[in-house]
Protein backbone atom coordinates (compact mmCIF):
# COMPACT_ATOMS: atom_id res chain seq x y z
CA VAL A 1 -5.83 -0.84 18.75
CA LYS A 2 -3.55 2.23 18.94
CA SER A 3 -5.35 4.35 21.66
CA ALA A 4 -7.99 4.23 24.59
CA SER A 5 -10.62 4.27 21.82
CA GLN A 6 -10.58 2.83 18.33
CA THR A 7 -13.18 2.81 15.78
CA LEU A 8 -13.49 0.13 13.05
CA THR A 9 -16.07 0.32 10.13
CA ILE A 10 -16.59 -2.95 8.01
CA PRO A 11 -18.68 -1.98 4.94
CA ASN A 12 -21.05 -4.26 3.40
CA ILE A 13 -21.15 -6.89 6.10
CA GLY A 14 -23.94 -9.27 5.60
CA THR A 15 -26.67 -10.38 8.29
CA GLY A 16 -25.48 -13.19 10.27
CA GLN A 17 -23.58 -14.14 13.50
CA TYR A 18 -20.10 -12.83 14.13
CA ALA A 19 -17.58 -12.49 16.77
CA VAL A 20 -14.54 -10.12 17.23
CA ALA A 21 -11.04 -10.53 18.73
CA MET A 22 -8.63 -7.59 19.02
CA PHE A 23 -5.46 -6.80 20.71
CA GLN A 24 -3.18 -4.04 21.22
CA ASP A 25 0.18 -4.26 19.51
CA VAL A 26 2.30 -2.30 22.17
CA ASN A 27 5.68 -3.06 20.59
CA SER A 28 4.34 -2.86 16.84
CA ASN A 29 5.56 -6.29 15.91
CA GLY A 30 2.48 -7.55 14.23
CA GLU A 31 1.46 -10.11 16.60
CA ILE A 32 0.24 -10.59 20.16
CA ASP A 33 3.05 -11.33 22.50
CA LYS A 34 2.89 -14.03 25.18
CA ASN A 35 4.73 -15.20 28.17
CA TRP A 36 6.38 -18.51 28.44
CA MET A 37 3.08 -20.07 29.69
CA GLY A 38 1.35 -18.47 26.50
CA ILE A 39 -0.65 -15.94 28.53
CA PRO A 40 -0.83 -12.67 26.48
CA THR A 41 1.41 -9.90 27.67
CA GLU A 42 -0.48 -7.27 25.55
CA PRO A 43 -4.02 -6.11 26.12
CA TYR A 44 -6.55 -8.21 24.33
CA GLY A 45 -10.33 -8.36 24.15
CA PHE A 46 -13.38 -10.12 22.59
CA SER A 47 -16.89 -9.05 21.47
CA ASN A 48 -19.52 -9.49 24.25
CA ASP A 49 -16.47 -8.78 26.62
CA ALA A 50 -16.32 -12.68 26.52
CA LYS A 51 -13.65 -13.68 28.95
CA ALA A 52 -10.69 -15.94 28.33
CA THR A 53 -9.88 -18.52 30.87
CA MET A 54 -7.41 -21.17 29.64
CA SER A 55 -7.62 -19.99 26.06
CA ALA A 56 -9.70 -17.83 23.94
CA PRO A 57 -13.52 -17.83 24.49
CA GLY A 58 -15.50 -20.03 21.94
CA PHE A 59 -17.38 -18.33 19.19
CA ASN A 60 -20.61 -18.52 20.94
CA ALA A 61 -19.55 -16.61 23.87
CA ALA A 62 -18.30 -13.67 21.82
CA ALA A 63 -20.88 -14.01 18.91
CA PHE A 64 -23.41 -11.40 18.10
CA SER A 65 -26.07 -11.00 15.55
CA MET A 66 -25.60 -8.58 12.72
CA SER A 67 -28.94 -7.50 10.94
CA ALA A 68 -28.30 -3.77 10.70
CA ASP A 69 -25.61 -1.19 11.34
CA ARG A 70 -24.52 -1.40 14.96
CA THR A 71 -21.81 -0.37 17.33
CA ILE A 72 -20.04 -3.04 19.65
CA SER A 73 -17.76 -2.06 22.42
CA ILE A 74 -14.76 -4.28 23.64
CA THR A 75 -12.83 -3.83 26.90
CA LEU A 76 -9.16 -4.64 26.65
CA ASN A 77 -7.82 -6.72 29.35
CA HIS A 78 -4.17 -7.06 30.44
């Protein structure tokens, strides 16, 4: 994610269950930075706005069904 709003199109994705995780690479080093406790220091988010507690949410918490073109929104947390 490089701005307040980002669009990603994935062509020819099949019907099924999917989950998305994303982060904003603020310092452009190609990875999500974390503090000494392993907590992300860059904005991140998951489909369904699933919440991370002690780790990333499980697949089921972030999963959504795909059967036709659709748009999902993900709020980045920091």
